[in-house]
């Protein structure tokens, strides 16, 4: 599990976007693949795949650019598009449209001279077939397809590439009816609506672009991600982009990764592991005005709701934080000494430690220590006190397993920071 913050900022462009833009370079970076997820907020197979690509793949040769959460507000809302269908705004978008900046920014990235090929990730209806076999299996369905707008773009044989991707995916099907096919929309002549799409905008500017559509009828998110990643890997192989991943590409491993929501650092002084976190946490010491949330997941987000903060990973609401308003101490980087199972450790705020038996916060300054869940009728300050698991009220744990507890530090009326004790 990822308990500590992943520094995605190392990969982000210096330019500020309304989405995450992650760049991964290998030693030979003359080929760039751009992968875009989340243009439709109710198609999680696309954006969870892009997040796994961002966090679990290492590029050895070539370049991989990833936009995992293009339509972040719609992802959070689990809607196709809170301001209408973003994938119908690439031919023309009004400057008054709330999606204007996002569409303009992604166009700029797509047209970068370094970009050689573009993949747009989707989940589509049913299972595409050349003939009609019912409401799910028919030519009008989009699921389990590699979609092209035309056969050739700038000396690139789109049909040949799409068929190569299809054939290799079909060698590794979970179920026989999950067969992938190539869907050519012949957009210029046959599909007026698709002329407004992201991929058609790309090919009209001589950028080869494909859409991968896994089926919404697949039984699990891990199945959708399985096929998406298989498709992306085939494109990387075709482009001679060498990569490594830190997991085996199977449903069991993918399920574990999808359920690992990572962590969030708040105001640089609070760390919360989002795995197994309770659905609601009260009296979280935050500022009354601005609070900075930095997630380890590239598809995580925060929503302010009635004075509380709802934390999401993709379309999944993970927890709600109910604040207790405090100003922050000026010095947030001070080391704290904590004796853990008899060994003294130097800790910083926004961190956690594991403990078997007991811990004691060694108090050596004017900070007040508050171990949430521990009650002592004699001492108002819980520094220098021995804290054991049995002495804690489990209702105050921050996780469902009742193993993680907050240690908070205050100076006068200001909040300095938090460290989490994680009992094994």
Protein backbone atom coordinates (compact mmCIF):
# COMPACT_ATOMS: atom_id res chain seq x y z
CA UNK A 1 0.00 0.00 0.00
CA UNK A 2 1.08 3.57 -0.64
CA UNK A 3 1.18 5.19 2.80
CA UNK A 4 3.30 8.15 1.86
CA UNK A 5 2.80 10.91 -0.65
CA UNK A 6 3.83 10.22 -4.24
CA UNK A 7 5.52 13.23 -5.77
CA UNK A 8 3.52 13.57 -8.94
CA UNK A 9 4.60 17.19 -9.03
CA UNK A 10 7.91 15.95 -10.40
CA UNK A 11 6.09 14.99 -13.57
CA UNK A 12 3.69 17.91 -13.86
CA UNK A 13 4.18 20.66 -16.38
CA UNK A 14 5.11 24.03 -14.94
CA UNK A 15 1.99 25.43 -16.58
CA UNK A 16 -1.13 25.29 -14.42
CA UNK A 17 -3.99 23.25 -15.88
CA UNK A 18 -7.41 22.21 -14.60
CA UNK A 19 -6.21 18.63 -14.99
CA UNK A 20 -3.06 16.69 -14.14
CA UNK A 21 -0.42 16.47 -16.86
CA UNK A 22 2.20 13.82 -16.16
CA UNK A 23 5.33 13.36 -18.27
CA UNK A 24 7.48 10.23 -18.11
CA UNK A 25 10.69 10.17 -20.11
CA UNK A 26 13.01 7.29 -20.89
CA UNK A 27 16.60 7.49 -22.06
CA UNK A 28 15.57 7.76 -25.73
CA UNK A 29 12.69 10.21 -25.86
CA UNK A 30 12.15 10.74 -29.59
CA UNK A 31 8.74 8.98 -29.54
CA UNK A 32 5.89 10.39 -27.45
CA UNK A 33 2.58 8.69 -26.71
CA UNK A 34 -0.16 10.87 -25.20
CA UNK A 35 -2.82 8.99 -23.19
CA UNK A 36 -5.96 10.87 -22.13
CA UNK A 37 -8.45 9.58 -19.56
CA UNK A 38 -11.57 11.03 -18.03
CA UNK A 39 -13.07 13.10 -20.86
CA UNK A 40 -16.35 11.46 -19.76
CA UNK A 41 -16.77 11.40 -15.99
CA UNK A 42 -18.97 8.29 -15.88
CA UNK A 43 -16.42 6.06 -17.64
CA UNK A 44 -14.09 4.97 -14.82
CA UNK A 45 -12.27 2.29 -16.82
CA UNK A 46 -10.51 5.07 -18.70
CA UNK A 47 -9.37 7.27 -15.84
CA UNK A 48 -8.48 4.50 -13.39
CA UNK A 49 -6.33 2.96 -16.13
CA UNK A 50 -4.60 6.28 -16.73
CA UNK A 51 -3.91 6.66 -12.98
CA UNK A 52 -2.35 3.19 -12.81
CA UNK A 53 -0.29 4.03 -15.89
CA UNK A 54 0.92 7.19 -14.11
CA UNK A 55 1.73 5.59 -10.77
CA UNK A 56 2.85 2.03 -11.56
CA UNK A 57 4.71 2.22 -14.88
CA UNK A 58 8.32 3.20 -15.48
CA UNK A 59 9.34 4.30 -18.97
CA UNK A 60 12.78 3.03 -19.94
CA UNK A 61 12.87 4.27 -23.54
CA UNK A 62 10.60 6.75 -25.28
CA UNK A 63 8.18 9.20 -23.69
CA UNK A 64 4.74 8.77 -22.17
CA UNK A 65 2.49 11.76 -21.48
CA UNK A 66 -0.62 11.13 -19.40
CA UNK A 67 -3.67 13.27 -18.70
CA UNK A 68 -5.62 11.00 -16.31
CA UNK A 69 -8.43 13.37 -15.28
CA UNK A 70 -9.23 15.66 -18.20
CA UNK A 71 -12.81 16.34 -17.05
CA UNK A 72 -12.15 16.37 -13.30
CA UNK A 73 -15.47 17.89 -12.19
CA UNK A 74 -17.45 15.35 -14.19
CA UNK A 75 -15.35 12.50 -12.78
CA UNK A 76 -16.13 13.65 -9.26
CA UNK A 77 -19.84 13.94 -10.14
CA UNK A 78 -19.83 10.56 -11.97
CA UNK A 79 -21.53 12.23 -14.94
CA UNK A 80 -20.72 12.19 -18.64
CA UNK A 81 -20.28 15.95 -18.54
CA UNK A 82 -21.51 18.44 -15.95
CA UNK A 83 -21.33 21.16 -18.62
CA UNK A 84 -22.39 18.98 -21.53
CA UNK A 85 -20.38 16.46 -23.53
CA UNK A 86 -16.78 17.68 -23.58
CA UNK A 87 -16.01 15.27 -26.42
CA UNK A 88 -18.31 17.30 -28.68
CA UNK A 89 -16.50 20.62 -28.17
CA UNK A 90 -13.33 20.18 -30.21
CA UNK A 91 -14.59 21.62 -33.50
CA UNK A 92 -15.91 24.71 -31.77
CA UNK A 93 -16.27 25.80 -28.15
CA UNK A 94 -17.56 29.13 -26.89
CA UNK A 95 -15.31 31.29 -24.74
CA UNK A 96 -18.27 31.40 -22.31
CA UNK A 97 -18.32 27.61 -21.98
CA UNK A 98 -16.98 26.44 -18.58
CA UNK A 99 -15.01 23.76 -20.49
CA UNK A 100 -13.31 26.32 -22.75
CA UNK A 101 -9.96 26.45 -20.92
CA UNK A 102 -9.73 22.66 -20.58
CA UNK A 103 -10.48 22.07 -24.26
CA UNK A 104 -8.02 24.78 -25.30
CA UNK A 105 -5.28 23.43 -23.05
CA UNK A 106 -5.60 19.82 -24.16
CA UNK A 107 -5.62 20.94 -27.79
CA UNK A 108 -2.33 22.72 -27.16
CA UNK A 109 -0.80 19.59 -25.63
CA UNK A 110 -2.08 17.38 -28.44
CA UNK A 111 -0.58 19.65 -31.08
CA UNK A 112 2.82 19.75 -29.41
CA UNK A 113 5.39 18.75 -32.02
CA UNK A 114 6.73 16.03 -29.67
CA UNK A 115 3.42 14.10 -29.68
CA UNK A 116 3.45 11.24 -32.20
CA UNK A 117 0.28 9.36 -31.28
CA UNK A 118 -2.77 9.94 -29.06
CA UNK A 119 -5.07 7.50 -27.25
CA UNK A 120 -8.39 8.62 -25.73
CA UNK A 121 -9.77 6.18 -23.13
CA UNK A 122 -13.51 5.43 -22.83
CA UNK A 123 -16.06 2.92 -21.57
CA UNK A 124 -18.75 2.29 -24.19
CA UNK A 125 -22.17 0.68 -24.43
CA UNK A 126 -22.45 -3.06 -25.07
CA UNK A 127 -20.17 -5.10 -27.30
CA UNK A 128 -19.54 -3.97 -30.85
CA UNK A 129 -20.29 -6.53 -33.57
CA UNK A 130 -20.46 -6.13 -37.37
CA UNK A 131 -23.90 -7.78 -37.37
CA UNK A 132 -26.93 -7.39 -35.08
CA UNK A 133 -27.16 -10.08 -32.40
CA UNK A 134 -29.37 -8.21 -29.93
CA UNK A 135 -29.47 -4.99 -27.92
CA UNK A 136 -26.00 -5.55 -26.43
CA UNK A 137 -24.13 -7.15 -29.35
CA UNK A 138 -24.66 -5.00 -32.45
CA UNK A 139 -23.09 -2.45 -34.83
CA UNK A 140 -24.40 0.48 -32.76
CA UNK A 141 -22.49 -0.60 -29.65
CA UNK A 142 -19.10 0.90 -28.82
CA UNK A 143 -17.74 -1.41 -26.14
CA UNK A 144 -14.61 -3.52 -26.71
CA UNK A 145 -13.41 -1.54 -29.72
CA UNK A 146 -10.40 0.27 -31.01
CA UNK A 147 -12.04 3.24 -32.73
CA UNK A 148 -10.57 5.07 -35.72
CA UNK A 149 -12.00 8.00 -37.66
CA UNK A 150 -10.38 6.99 -40.95
CA UNK A 151 -7.87 4.49 -42.28
CA UNK A 152 -4.81 6.69 -42.83
CA UNK A 153 -3.36 9.79 -41.18
CA UNK A 154 -0.08 11.40 -42.31
CA UNK A 155 1.40 8.19 -43.71
CA UNK A 156 0.19 6.26 -40.66
CA UNK A 157 -1.92 3.20 -41.42
CA UNK A 158 -4.54 3.59 -38.69
CA UNK A 159 -6.44 0.47 -39.71
CA UNK A 160 -3.33 -1.71 -39.61
CA UNK A 161 -2.34 -0.44 -36.14
CA UNK A 162 -5.88 -0.84 -34.77
CA UNK A 163 -6.11 -4.40 -36.08
CA UNK A 164 -2.72 -5.29 -34.60
CA UNK A 165 -3.85 -3.99 -31.21
CA UNK A 166 -7.14 -5.87 -31.52
CA UNK A 167 -5.50 -9.17 -32.44
CA UNK A 168 -3.10 -9.08 -29.52
CA UNK A 169 -5.81 -8.16 -27.00
CA UNK A 170 -7.94 -11.04 -28.27
CA UNK A 171 -5.16 -13.48 -27.37
CA UNK A 172 -5.73 -12.71 -23.69
CA UNK A 173 -9.49 -12.51 -23.15
CA UNK A 174 -11.09 -13.03 -19.74
CA UNK A 175 -14.31 -14.31 -21.32
CA UNK A 176 -14.82 -15.40 -24.92
CA UNK A 177 -17.53 -12.81 -25.60
CA UNK A 178 -15.17 -9.96 -24.59
CA UNK A 179 -13.73 -9.99 -28.11
CA UNK A 180 -12.24 -6.70 -29.31
CA UNK A 181 -12.99 -5.29 -32.78
CA UNK A 182 -12.01 -2.28 -34.86
CA UNK A 183 -14.71 0.33 -35.38
CA UNK A 184 -14.10 2.80 -38.21
CA UNK A 185 -16.58 5.66 -37.88
CA UNK A 186 -15.48 7.10 -41.26
CA UNK A 187 -16.11 10.40 -39.51
CA UNK A 188 -15.53 12.85 -42.35
CA UNK A 189 -18.29 11.36 -44.49
CA UNK A 190 -20.57 9.34 -42.20
CA UNK A 191 -20.62 10.76 -38.66
CA UNK A 192 -21.32 14.46 -38.28
CA UNK A 193 -21.42 14.24 -34.47
CA UNK A 194 -17.95 12.67 -34.28
CA UNK A 195 -16.52 15.58 -36.28
CA UNK A 196 -16.63 17.49 -32.99
CA UNK A 197 -14.62 14.87 -31.09
CA UNK A 198 -11.09 14.94 -29.67
CA UNK A 199 -9.75 12.24 -31.97
CA UNK A 200 -11.14 13.85 -35.12
CA UNK A 201 -9.62 17.20 -34.11
CA UNK A 202 -6.29 15.40 -33.77
CA UNK A 203 -6.35 13.70 -37.17
CA UNK A 204 -7.43 16.90 -38.94
CA UNK A 205 -4.12 18.26 -37.61
CA UNK A 206 -2.21 15.20 -38.84
CA UNK A 207 -1.92 13.59 -35.39
CA UNK A 208 -2.80 9.88 -35.38
CA UNK A 209 -5.41 9.36 -32.66
CA UNK A 210 -7.33 6.31 -31.47
CA UNK A 211 -10.12 5.75 -28.95
CA UNK A 212 -10.14 2.62 -26.78
CA UNK A 213 -13.63 1.68 -25.62
CA UNK A 214 -14.01 -1.06 -23.03
CA UNK A 215 -17.53 -2.25 -22.40
CA UNK A 216 -19.75 -0.81 -19.68
CA UNK A 217 -21.29 -4.29 -19.60
CA UNK A 218 -18.12 -5.86 -18.18
CA UNK A 219 -18.72 -7.19 -14.69
CA UNK A 220 -16.05 -5.21 -12.83
CA UNK A 221 -13.89 -2.12 -13.00
CA UNK A 222 -10.80 -4.33 -12.87
CA UNK A 223 -11.88 -6.02 -16.11
CA UNK A 224 -12.20 -2.66 -17.85
CA UNK A 225 -8.79 -1.57 -16.59
CA UNK A 226 -7.31 -4.92 -17.65
CA UNK A 227 -8.32 -4.39 -21.27
CA UNK A 228 -7.41 -0.70 -21.29
CA UNK A 229 -3.89 -1.42 -20.05
CA UNK A 230 -3.49 -4.29 -22.49
CA UNK A 231 -4.40 -1.92 -25.31
CA UNK A 232 -2.05 0.82 -24.10
CA UNK A 233 0.81 -1.65 -23.78
CA UNK A 234 0.24 -2.79 -27.36
CA UNK A 235 0.45 0.82 -28.57
CA UNK A 236 3.67 1.32 -26.59
CA UNK A 237 5.15 -1.82 -28.19
CA UNK A 238 4.17 -0.60 -31.66
CA UNK A 239 5.90 2.73 -30.91
CA UNK A 240 8.99 0.98 -29.47
CA UNK A 241 8.39 2.58 -26.07
CA UNK A 242 10.01 0.34 -23.48
CA UNK A 243 8.37 0.14 -20.06
CA UNK A 244 8.28 -1.71 -16.76
CA UNK A 245 5.38 -2.08 -14.35
CA UNK A 246 5.53 -3.02 -10.70
CA UNK A 247 2.66 -5.54 -10.76
CA UNK A 248 1.41 -8.55 -12.68
CA UNK A 249 -1.31 -7.61 -15.17
CA UNK A 250 -4.17 -9.75 -13.87
CA UNK A 251 -7.53 -9.12 -12.23
CA UNK A 252 -6.42 -9.93 -8.71
CA UNK A 253 -3.52 -7.47 -8.79
CA UNK A 254 -5.61 -4.79 -10.49
CA UNK A 255 -8.35 -5.09 -7.87
CA UNK A 256 -5.79 -4.47 -5.11
CA UNK A 257 -4.37 -1.45 -6.90
CA UNK A 258 -7.79 0.05 -7.64
CA UNK A 259 -8.80 -0.30 -3.98
CA UNK A 260 -5.58 1.36 -2.81
CA UNK A 261 -6.70 5.00 -2.66
CA UNK A 262 -3.30 6.31 -1.62
CA UNK A 263 -2.96 9.27 0.72
CA UNK A 264 -3.48 13.00 1.07
CA UNK A 265 -1.29 15.64 2.70
CA UNK A 266 -3.20 18.68 3.94
CA UNK A 267 -1.49 22.02 4.57
CA UNK A 268 1.82 20.18 4.69
CA UNK A 269 1.12 19.15 8.30
CA UNK A 270 -1.52 16.40 8.10
CA UNK A 271 -1.16 13.01 6.42
CA UNK A 272 -4.20 10.78 5.97
CA UNK A 273 -3.96 7.31 4.52
CA UNK A 274 -7.17 6.98 2.49
CA UNK A 275 -7.16 3.17 2.52
CA UNK A 276 -9.80 1.87 4.92
CA UNK A 277 -10.43 5.38 6.23
CA UNK A 278 -13.75 5.97 7.98
CA UNK A 279 -16.52 7.52 5.91
CA UNK A 280 -16.58 10.56 8.19
CA UNK A 281 -13.99 12.20 10.46
CA UNK A 282 -14.82 15.03 12.85
CA UNK A 283 -12.82 17.88 14.40
CA UNK A 284 -10.04 17.84 11.80
CA UNK A 285 -7.88 20.92 12.53
CA UNK A 286 -8.00 22.99 9.33
CA UNK A 287 -7.87 26.65 8.41
CA UNK A 288 -11.11 28.55 8.08
CA UNK A 289 -10.20 29.93 4.66
CA UNK A 290 -7.63 28.22 2.43
CA UNK A 291 -6.51 24.60 2.78
CA UNK A 292 -4.05 22.85 0.48
CA UNK A 293 -4.76 19.22 -0.43
CA UNK A 294 -2.04 17.19 -2.17
CA UNK A 295 -3.10 13.66 -3.17
CA UNK A 296 -0.89 10.75 -4.13
CA UNK A 297 -3.49 9.65 -6.69
CA UNK A 298 -3.66 11.70 -9.88
CA UNK A 299 -7.44 11.24 -10.08
CA UNK A 300 -8.20 12.28 -6.49
CA UNK A 301 -9.99 15.53 -5.67
CA UNK A 302 -11.71 17.49 -2.92
CA UNK A 303 -15.16 19.07 -2.84
CA UNK A 304 -16.32 21.63 -0.29
CA UNK A 305 -19.82 20.84 0.89
CA UNK A 306 -21.63 22.75 3.65
CA UNK A 307 -18.41 23.62 5.43
CA UNK A 308 -17.03 20.08 5.17
CA UNK A 309 -14.53 18.55 2.76
CA UNK A 310 -15.46 15.51 0.69
CA UNK A 311 -12.47 13.53 -0.61
CA UNK A 312 -12.79 11.54 -3.84
CA UNK A 313 -10.65 9.11 -5.77
CA UNK A 314 -12.09 9.10 -9.25
CA UNK A 315 -15.87 8.89 -8.86
CA UNK A 316 -15.63 7.26 -5.43
CA UNK A 317 -16.28 9.40 -2.36
CA UNK A 318 -13.79 8.10 0.18
CA UNK A 319 -14.45 10.21 3.27
CA UNK A 320 -15.81 13.52 4.56
CA UNK A 321 -13.71 15.73 6.81
CA UNK A 322 -15.54 17.99 9.25
CA UNK A 323 -13.24 20.79 10.24
CA UNK A 324 -12.43 22.48 13.51
CA UNK A 325 -11.03 25.85 12.57
CA UNK A 326 -7.49 26.79 13.69
CA UNK A 327 -4.74 29.09 12.54
CA UNK A 328 -1.47 27.33 11.68
CA UNK A 329 1.84 27.54 13.48
CA UNK A 330 4.52 29.31 11.47
CA UNK A 331 7.13 26.56 11.90
CA UNK A 332 5.68 23.36 10.46
CA UNK A 333 8.92 21.43 9.93
CA UNK A 334 10.00 20.84 13.50
CA UNK A 335 11.17 17.35 14.43
CA UNK A 336 9.23 15.55 17.13
CA UNK A 337 10.75 12.77 19.26
CA UNK A 338 8.50 9.77 19.84
CA UNK A 339 9.55 6.68 21.75
CA UNK A 340 8.01 3.75 19.88
CA UNK A 341 8.25 0.31 21.50
CA UNK A 342 11.24 1.55 23.50
CA UNK A 343 13.09 3.14 20.56
CA UNK A 344 13.19 6.94 20.11
CA UNK A 345 12.33 8.10 16.59
CA UNK A 346 12.59 11.58 15.09
CA UNK A 347 9.34 12.35 13.29
CA UNK A 348 8.05 15.23 11.18
CA UNK A 349 4.47 16.39 10.89
CA UNK A 350 2.40 14.79 8.12
CA UNK A 351 3.88 11.35 8.75
CA UNK A 352 2.95 8.11 10.48
CA UNK A 353 4.68 5.34 12.39
CA UNK A 354 3.92 1.71 13.23
CA UNK A 355 3.76 0.53 16.82
CA UNK A 356 3.39 -2.88 18.41
CA UNK A 357 2.93 -2.14 22.11
CA UNK A 358 3.17 1.49 23.17
CA UNK A 359 4.50 4.94 22.37
CA UNK A 360 5.39 8.11 24.26
CA UNK A 361 5.65 11.57 22.75
CA UNK A 362 8.82 13.07 24.24
CA UNK A 363 7.86 16.63 25.07
CA UNK A 364 10.79 19.04 24.86
CA UNK A 365 9.20 22.35 23.91
CA UNK A 366 6.10 24.44 24.46
CA UNK A 367 3.85 22.44 22.16
CA UNK A 368 0.78 20.79 23.66
CA UNK A 369 0.20 17.15 22.72
CA UNK A 370 -3.28 15.73 22.17
CA UNK A 371 -3.65 12.01 21.45
CA UNK A 372 -7.16 11.70 20.03
CA UNK A 373 -8.92 8.84 21.79
CA UNK A 374 -6.83 8.94 24.94
CA UNK A 375 -8.33 10.36 28.15
CA UNK A 376 -6.42 11.18 31.31
CA UNK A 377 -8.27 12.96 34.12
CA UNK A 378 -5.09 14.26 35.69
CA UNK A 379 -3.07 15.52 32.72
CA UNK A 380 -4.38 18.08 30.22
CA UNK A 381 -1.30 17.57 28.06
CA UNK A 382 -0.54 14.07 26.81
CA UNK A 383 3.15 14.52 26.15
CA UNK A 384 5.50 12.25 28.11
CA UNK A 385 2.66 9.81 28.81
CA UNK A 386 2.84 6.15 27.91
CA UNK A 387 0.08 5.34 25.38
CA UNK A 388 -0.99 1.76 24.86
CA UNK A 389 -3.60 0.40 22.45
CA UNK A 390 -5.90 -0.74 25.25
CA UNK A 391 -5.94 2.78 26.71
CA UNK A 392 -7.43 4.29 23.54
CA UNK A 393 -11.12 4.72 22.80
CA UNK A 394 -11.46 2.87 19.48
CA UNK A 395 -14.35 5.10 18.41
CA UNK A 396 -11.75 7.82 17.78
CA UNK A 397 -9.66 5.79 15.33
CA UNK A 398 -9.48 7.16 11.79
CA UNK A 399 -9.77 3.75 10.10
CA UNK A 400 -12.38 1.01 10.08
CA UNK A 401 -9.95 -1.54 11.52
CA UNK A 402 -9.53 0.77 14.53
CA UNK A 403 -5.74 0.72 14.40
CA UNK A 404 -4.79 4.30 13.41
CA UNK A 405 -4.96 7.25 15.82
CA UNK A 406 -4.19 10.95 15.49
CA UNK A 407 -1.51 12.68 17.55
CA UNK A 408 -2.02 16.44 17.30
CA UNK A 409 0.36 19.21 18.31
CA UNK A 410 -0.65 22.76 19.30
CA UNK A 411 1.13 25.93 20.32
CA UNK A 412 -1.12 28.32 22.23
CA UNK A 413 -4.21 28.63 19.99
CA UNK A 414 -2.55 27.46 16.78
CA UNK A 415 -2.38 24.00 15.24
CA UNK A 416 1.16 22.84 14.44
CA UNK A 417 0.70 19.42 12.90
CA UNK A 418 -0.38 15.81 13.11
CA UNK A 419 1.38 12.44 13.25
CA UNK A 420 -0.53 9.16 12.97
CA UNK A 421 0.16 6.16 15.22
CA UNK A 422 -0.61 2.92 13.41
CA UNK A 423 -0.95 -0.09 15.74
CA UNK A 424 -0.04 -3.43 14.21
